[in-house]
Amino acid sequence: MQMTDGDIKNKRSKWRLILTIATFIALAILIYSLRKQIGGVITNLGRVNTLALLLIIPCEFLNYDAYARLYRSLFATLGKRVRYWPMFKVTLELNFVNHILPSGGLSGISYFNVRTRAEGISAATSTLAQVTKLFLLFTSFQPLLILGVFLLALRGHTNNLIMVIVSSIITLLIVGTFIGLYIIESRSRINSFLTAITKILNSLIHLIRPKYPETINILSAQKAFNELHDNYEIFKKNLPALKMPFIYMLIANATEVAALYVVYIAFGEFVNVGAVILAYSVANFAGLISVLPAGIGIYEGLMTAVLVATGIPAELSIPVTLMYRVINMFIQLTPGYYFYQKAVREGLGKKV
């Protein structure tokens, strides 16, 4: 039986309601998880230089700007012209989605696909843009990590533990990059791998929706996988075009490290930049596999542990880490939530 316009509108309204409720629940969990950190930040506000702390705002703006320009550059290489402001907004929304729905970035990829559809970007093209962003994220972190170790060595703060951590991260980055390239290099490999993933997802969804054994159509998905490989071939034949996206990704990483360092300056401490780079790297990669929103607990614990291991006392690193997390998430999630809710109300996938 064919659905009427009224049925379609009712279905969309239900999904908007479900998304809104799910968002509020996730936000409530996040705020509840952060209750101690928020209390600690309020307690330490009297110790900080407020003017210095405000420098975190331009750092975050430059971060969003770098990501918006990164996406525009990647899409331009694939022959798709997108406007700056829509990409800036989507970057904020994406940040919000990835914070409240921990899934190693998978939630963000799905959301990005829906939001860029209105700009004439296919799911395969937007997925490749996200995969390429992850590839650039991994590769751009390596020079930052090397710089961090060098700065630590200058001050005599390197030890066996630090070297093990750094070498492990770099090894994981390199191995992960080569595995990803190996899969996407071959049309048959990428089809086999992603088809298997799609079947697993359908099986999991089938447990919740017994009447729908194939929520994700396999044939349609395989068509998208072929397009994903074709777009990859465009990147492969035009590698110099990745120069600017790499620079934008480097700027994005550097501005996040700068935002963390600003909090140390606000506390009146000019610590070793290498320690901050290393702590930020470890905490962020561990946060990717966290099952809690925004990596609560794992992120703060690992960042503090690495900072202490590099010679920054716990009585300084703990309040700085907590203040950075609370203020940084407030700056990121507030505009992200606003644009996300606006997108939900207007209908996801409509003109950005």
Foldseek 3Di string as FASTA:
>chain_A
DDDDPVRVVVVLVVVLVVVVVLLVVLVVQVCVLLVVLVVLLVVCVVLFAVVLLVVLLVLVVLLLQLQLVLLQLLVVLLVAHDDSVLSSLLSLLLVQQCQSAQDLSPSSLVLQQQQCVQSVAHSLSSNLSVVVLVLLLLVLLLVLLVVLVVLLVVVPLDDPVSVVLSVVSNVCSVVVNVVVCVQLQDLVSLLVVVLVVQQVVLVVVCVVVVVRSRPDDSVVVSVSSNVNSVSVVSCVVVVVSCPSSSVSSNSSLVSLLVSLQSLCVRSVHNDRSSLSSSLQSVLVVVLSPARRRNSRPSSLVSSLVSSVSSPDDSVRSNSSSSNSVVVVCCSSNPSNVVSNSVCSVVDGNHND
